[in-house]
């Protein structure tokens, strides 16, 4: 049993992770800017962090708090860096002041990768402000007792007004709304339940380092949507397959975010699933 401070508990991943960690026997203290959670914490305040560490006394901090709107990050780099780097800077400073050094599980992103994949952890090529701010956040805690998880995920979201990629696809199809899915953008995303299981392993095993956490294979986002729809028995006539270059996006998007997961498998003693397995898991979830 571990005392866990969960930052960003009201978000898409936090809403799924908190009950799973509690079911695994951990004491979970949930932080959010929203009402109804255990604590509100000014994540950029040195003093607030000192008070929090002294009061909560976390053994592990799971950091899900982040600015993830890629185009908004591109428009306002200062906001992106404050949101994605500031909390970790304040935490590390407060930790030095209090001598309290909890293990950090930090959730990063597969958007650090670009060029032909699959990519190892050393192959970092940020192509937009969001990715650069997330990589800089990793560097802040590089020498800290930390497990850095680079990932992407899908599945049924329990966070209000925060639909997942798979939620958006299914809702659009059922609403007979035409959507475009890209056949030139590839990823190795995993189901949220699988990611929650791996985060729990990180809390228990406390490996230090940076790890790609995803499926051991990859797929285009277009093929992902078509396969998910097929396994749910949904018509795909409203899905248009196209290129990301057709969109007028503020920020450039990486095209190939597929990841090598060998390092993660070796250090955690687990096997990562296939994309087919994870799509089946999502289909079963939506059926239920």
Protein backbone atom coordinates (compact mmCIF):
# COMPACT_ATOMS: atom_id res chain seq x y z
CA UNK A 1 0.00 0.00 0.00
CA UNK A 2 1.38 3.38 -1.07
CA UNK A 3 0.22 6.90 -0.28
CA UNK A 4 -0.27 8.46 -3.73
CA UNK A 5 -0.86 12.12 -4.58
CA UNK A 6 -2.65 12.15 -7.94
CA UNK A 7 -2.30 15.44 -9.83
CA UNK A 8 -4.97 16.16 -12.44
CA UNK A 9 -7.43 13.67 -11.00
CA UNK A 10 -10.44 15.16 -12.81
CA UNK A 11 -8.97 14.65 -16.28
CA UNK A 12 -9.62 11.84 -18.71
CA UNK A 13 -6.90 9.51 -17.43
CA UNK A 14 -7.23 10.58 -13.79
CA UNK A 15 -10.94 9.71 -13.73
CA UNK A 16 -10.08 6.13 -14.68
CA UNK A 17 -6.83 5.84 -12.74
CA UNK A 18 -7.99 6.94 -9.27
CA UNK A 19 -10.52 4.15 -8.66
CA UNK A 20 -8.13 1.55 -10.06
CA UNK A 21 -5.33 2.62 -7.72
CA UNK A 22 -7.71 2.54 -4.78
CA UNK A 23 -8.85 -0.94 -5.81
CA UNK A 24 -5.18 -1.99 -5.81
CA UNK A 25 -4.97 -0.95 -2.15
CA UNK A 26 -3.29 2.44 -2.42
CA UNK A 27 -4.31 5.53 -0.47
CA UNK A 28 -5.06 8.08 -3.19
CA UNK A 29 -5.19 11.81 -2.46
CA UNK A 30 -6.76 13.47 -5.50
CA UNK A 31 -5.78 16.98 -6.64
CA UNK A 32 -7.80 19.01 -9.11
CA UNK A 33 -8.77 22.58 -9.87
CA UNK A 34 -12.37 21.34 -9.95
CA UNK A 35 -14.63 21.04 -6.90
CA UNK A 36 -15.27 17.70 -5.23
CA UNK A 37 -11.68 16.49 -4.93
CA UNK A 38 -9.42 16.06 -1.90
CA UNK A 39 -7.20 19.11 -2.38
CA UNK A 40 -6.84 22.19 -4.51
CA UNK A 41 -3.19 23.06 -4.98
CA UNK A 42 -1.54 25.97 -6.78
CA UNK A 43 0.85 23.82 -8.77
CA UNK A 44 3.13 26.77 -9.55
CA UNK A 45 3.53 27.92 -5.94
CA UNK A 46 6.70 26.97 -4.08
CA UNK A 47 5.07 27.56 -0.71
CA UNK A 48 1.90 25.67 -1.63
CA UNK A 49 4.04 22.67 -2.54
CA UNK A 50 5.94 22.89 0.76
CA UNK A 51 2.63 22.90 2.65
CA UNK A 52 1.25 20.04 0.53
CA UNK A 53 4.28 17.79 0.99
CA UNK A 54 4.21 18.36 4.74
CA UNK A 55 0.49 17.70 5.02
CA UNK A 56 -0.08 14.88 2.54
CA UNK A 57 3.32 13.18 2.94
CA UNK A 58 3.03 11.32 -0.37
CA UNK A 59 5.27 8.36 -1.08
CA UNK A 60 4.48 8.66 -4.80
CA UNK A 61 3.22 11.55 -6.91
CA UNK A 62 1.51 10.68 -10.21
CA UNK A 63 1.56 13.72 -12.47
CA UNK A 64 -1.27 13.86 -15.01
CA UNK A 65 -1.60 17.66 -14.93
CA UNK A 66 -0.75 19.12 -18.32
CA UNK A 67 -1.76 21.51 -21.07
CA UNK A 68 -2.56 19.20 -23.98
CA UNK A 69 -4.23 21.46 -26.57
CA UNK A 70 -1.50 21.34 -29.21
CA UNK A 71 -2.63 24.36 -31.21
CA UNK A 72 -3.22 26.48 -28.11
CA UNK A 73 0.30 25.62 -26.92
CA UNK A 74 1.62 26.79 -30.28
CA UNK A 75 -0.24 30.09 -30.00
CA UNK A 76 0.86 30.71 -26.41
CA UNK A 77 4.24 29.11 -25.64
CA UNK A 78 4.50 30.82 -22.25
CA UNK A 79 1.21 29.25 -21.18
CA UNK A 80 2.38 25.85 -22.42
CA UNK A 81 5.68 26.02 -20.56
CA UNK A 82 4.06 27.33 -17.37
CA UNK A 83 1.48 24.53 -17.40
CA UNK A 84 3.74 21.65 -18.41
CA UNK A 85 7.02 22.57 -16.71
CA UNK A 86 6.08 24.94 -13.89
CA UNK A 87 4.48 22.38 -11.53
CA UNK A 88 7.54 20.10 -11.67
CA UNK A 89 9.94 23.00 -11.09
CA UNK A 90 7.92 24.08 -8.03
CA UNK A 91 7.73 20.49 -6.76
CA UNK A 92 11.47 19.88 -7.09
CA UNK A 93 12.28 23.18 -5.34
CA UNK A 94 9.86 22.36 -2.50
CA UNK A 95 11.31 18.87 -2.23
CA UNK A 96 14.78 20.34 -1.81
CA UNK A 97 13.48 22.68 0.90
CA UNK A 98 11.61 19.99 2.85
CA UNK A 99 13.94 17.04 2.14
CA UNK A 100 10.81 15.07 1.20
CA UNK A 101 11.54 13.21 -2.03
CA UNK A 102 8.55 11.17 -3.19
CA UNK A 103 8.83 8.94 -6.23
CA UNK A 104 7.32 10.69 -9.28
CA UNK A 105 5.41 8.89 -12.03
CA UNK A 106 5.23 11.47 -14.81
CA UNK A 107 2.99 10.96 -17.84
CA UNK A 108 4.59 12.34 -20.98
CA UNK A 109 3.65 12.00 -24.64
CA UNK A 110 4.42 10.12 -27.84
CA UNK A 111 4.42 13.47 -29.66
CA UNK A 112 8.11 13.75 -28.80
CA UNK A 113 8.76 11.48 -31.77
CA UNK A 114 8.79 12.31 -35.45
CA UNK A 115 10.30 10.76 -38.58
CA UNK A 116 10.05 7.10 -39.43
CA UNK A 117 9.26 4.84 -36.47
CA UNK A 118 9.13 2.82 -34.40
CA UNK A 119 11.22 5.02 -32.09
CA UNK A 120 13.41 4.20 -29.12
CA UNK A 121 13.44 6.45 -26.06
CA UNK A 122 16.60 8.22 -27.30
CA UNK A 123 15.03 9.25 -30.62
CA UNK A 124 13.45 12.55 -29.52
CA UNK A 125 12.44 15.07 -32.22
CA UNK A 126 9.86 17.58 -30.91
CA UNK A 127 8.16 19.34 -33.82
CA UNK A 128 5.85 21.72 -31.96
CA UNK A 129 5.70 23.79 -28.76
CA UNK A 130 3.57 21.22 -26.93
CA UNK A 131 6.11 18.45 -27.52
CA UNK A 132 9.02 20.72 -26.62
CA UNK A 133 7.36 21.74 -23.34
CA UNK A 134 6.70 18.10 -22.45
CA UNK A 135 10.31 17.16 -23.18
CA UNK A 136 11.55 20.07 -21.07
CA UNK A 137 9.33 18.82 -18.23
CA UNK A 138 11.05 15.43 -18.45
CA UNK A 139 14.44 17.11 -18.14
CA UNK A 140 13.39 18.84 -14.92
CA UNK A 141 12.98 15.49 -13.16
CA UNK A 142 15.56 13.49 -15.13
CA UNK A 143 17.83 13.04 -12.09
CA UNK A 144 14.96 12.84 -9.61
CA UNK A 145 13.52 9.51 -8.38
CA UNK A 146 11.11 9.37 -11.31
CA UNK A 147 9.45 7.05 -13.79
CA UNK A 148 8.71 8.91 -17.02
CA UNK A 149 6.06 7.26 -19.20
CA UNK A 150 5.69 8.33 -22.83
CA UNK A 151 2.35 7.15 -24.07
CA UNK A 152 -0.93 7.71 -25.92
CA UNK A 153 -4.25 6.18 -24.93
CA UNK A 154 -7.90 5.65 -25.87
CA UNK A 155 -11.02 4.10 -24.38
CA UNK A 156 -14.22 5.18 -22.70
CA UNK A 157 -13.70 8.50 -20.90
CA UNK A 158 -15.42 9.09 -17.56
CA UNK A 159 -14.36 12.75 -17.45
CA UNK A 160 -17.14 15.19 -18.23
CA UNK A 161 -16.53 17.15 -21.43
CA UNK A 162 -13.26 15.29 -22.07
CA UNK A 163 -14.03 12.66 -24.73
CA UNK A 164 -11.25 10.36 -25.87
CA UNK A 165 -10.22 9.81 -29.48
CA UNK A 166 -12.26 6.60 -29.59
CA UNK A 167 -15.26 8.35 -27.95
CA UNK A 168 -15.16 11.01 -30.66
CA UNK A 169 -15.04 8.45 -33.46
CA UNK A 170 -17.96 6.42 -32.12
CA UNK A 171 -20.11 9.44 -31.27
CA UNK A 172 -19.50 10.92 -34.73
CA UNK A 173 -20.49 7.70 -36.48
CA UNK A 174 -23.65 7.30 -34.40
CA UNK A 175 -24.56 10.95 -35.08
CA UNK A 176 -24.05 10.37 -38.82
CA UNK A 177 -21.39 13.10 -38.78
CA UNK A 178 -18.67 12.90 -41.41
CA UNK A 179 -15.15 12.82 -40.01
CA UNK A 180 -11.72 12.55 -41.59
CA UNK A 181 -9.22 10.07 -40.20
CA UNK A 182 -5.60 10.26 -41.29
CA UNK A 183 -3.85 7.47 -43.14
CA UNK A 184 -0.46 9.22 -42.78
CA UNK A 185 -0.41 9.54 -38.96
CA UNK A 186 0.71 6.43 -37.03
CA UNK A 187 0.70 5.66 -33.32
CA UNK A 188 1.04 2.87 -30.74
CA UNK A 189 -1.71 3.94 -28.36
CA UNK A 190 -3.05 1.62 -25.67
CA UNK A 191 -6.34 1.27 -23.85
CA UNK A 192 -6.70 3.36 -20.68
CA UNK A 193 -7.22 0.27 -18.53
CA UNK A 194 -3.92 -1.15 -19.76
CA UNK A 195 -2.15 2.12 -19.08
CA UNK A 196 -3.64 2.27 -15.57
CA UNK A 197 -2.29 -1.23 -14.91
CA UNK A 198 1.18 -0.19 -16.07
CA UNK A 199 1.08 2.99 -13.95
CA UNK A 200 0.25 0.87 -10.93
CA UNK A 201 3.26 -1.30 -11.73
CA UNK A 202 5.41 1.83 -11.85
CA UNK A 203 4.14 2.83 -8.39
CA UNK A 204 4.97 -0.60 -7.00
CA UNK A 205 8.28 -1.28 -8.78
CA UNK A 206 9.60 2.32 -8.82
CA UNK A 207 11.91 1.97 -11.82
CA UNK A 208 13.88 5.12 -12.57
CA UNK A 209 14.13 6.25 -16.17
CA UNK A 210 12.14 6.98 -19.32
CA UNK A 211 9.89 4.34 -20.90
CA UNK A 212 7.78 4.01 -24.04
CA UNK A 213 4.46 2.53 -22.97
CA UNK A 214 2.20 1.45 -25.81
CA UNK A 215 1.39 -1.47 -28.06
CA UNK A 216 4.31 -3.40 -29.51
CA UNK A 217 3.04 -2.61 -33.00
CA UNK A 218 1.42 0.43 -34.56
CA UNK A 219 -1.36 1.52 -36.87
CA UNK A 220 -2.57 4.58 -38.75
CA UNK A 221 -5.33 6.60 -37.11
CA UNK A 222 -7.55 5.88 -40.09
CA UNK A 223 -7.11 2.13 -39.78
CA UNK A 224 -7.66 2.38 -36.03
CA UNK A 225 -11.03 4.06 -36.52
CA UNK A 226 -12.13 1.66 -39.23
CA UNK A 227 -11.19 -1.40 -37.18
CA UNK A 228 -12.91 -0.09 -34.05
CA UNK A 229 -16.08 0.70 -35.99
CA UNK A 230 -16.03 -2.72 -37.64
CA UNK A 231 -15.73 -4.55 -34.33
CA UNK A 232 -18.65 -2.56 -32.97
CA UNK A 233 -20.74 -3.33 -36.04
CA UNK A 234 -20.97 0.36 -36.98
CA UNK A 235 -21.25 1.63 -40.52
CA UNK A 236 -18.17 3.45 -41.79
CA UNK A 237 -19.78 5.45 -44.60
CA UNK A 238 -19.25 8.72 -42.69
CA UNK A 239 -15.52 8.07 -42.22
CA UNK A 240 -13.38 9.75 -44.81
CA UNK A 241 -9.73 8.70 -45.09
CA UNK A 242 -7.39 11.62 -45.74
CA UNK A 243 -4.10 13.31 -44.93
CA UNK A 244 -3.26 15.55 -41.99
CA UNK A 245 -1.76 17.96 -44.51
CA UNK A 246 -5.29 18.81 -45.65
CA UNK A 247 -6.00 20.58 -42.36
CA UNK A 248 -5.00 24.15 -41.62
CA UNK A 249 -3.47 23.46 -38.20
CA UNK A 250 -1.55 26.04 -36.20
CA UNK A 251 0.99 23.50 -34.96
CA UNK A 252 2.76 20.90 -37.06
CA UNK A 253 1.88 17.34 -36.07
CA UNK A 254 4.31 14.42 -36.04
CA UNK A 255 3.41 11.76 -38.58
CA UNK A 256 4.92 8.62 -37.06
CA UNK A 257 4.71 8.25 -33.28
CA UNK A 258 5.08 4.47 -33.18
CA UNK A 259 7.27 3.42 -30.28
CA UNK A 260 9.63 0.59 -29.41
CA UNK A 261 8.60 -0.86 -26.05
CA UNK A 262 11.51 -3.27 -25.46
CA UNK A 263 13.07 -1.14 -22.69
CA UNK A 264 9.78 -0.99 -20.83
CA UNK A 265 9.17 -4.73 -21.18
CA UNK A 266 12.66 -5.57 -19.93
CA UNK A 267 12.53 -3.25 -16.90
CA UNK A 268 8.95 -4.02 -15.88
CA UNK A 269 8.98 -7.73 -16.66
CA UNK A 270 5.82 -7.56 -18.75
CA UNK A 271 4.77 -7.94 -22.37
CA UNK A 272 3.06 -5.07 -24.14
CA UNK A 273 -0.16 -5.90 -26.01
CA UNK A 274 -0.90 -5.71 -29.72
CA UNK A 275 -3.04 -2.98 -31.23
CA UNK A 276 -5.61 -5.62 -32.20
CA UNK A 277 -5.91 -6.72 -28.56
CA UNK A 278 -6.40 -3.15 -27.38
CA UNK A 279 -9.03 -2.37 -30.03
CA UNK A 280 -10.90 -5.52 -28.97
CA UNK A 281 -10.73 -4.36 -25.36
CA UNK A 282 -12.23 -1.01 -26.35
CA UNK A 283 -14.95 -2.68 -28.42
CA UNK A 284 -15.91 -4.89 -25.47
CA UNK A 285 -15.99 -1.83 -23.22
CA UNK A 286 -18.29 0.12 -25.54
CA UNK A 287 -20.53 -2.91 -26.04
CA UNK A 288 -20.90 -3.21 -22.27
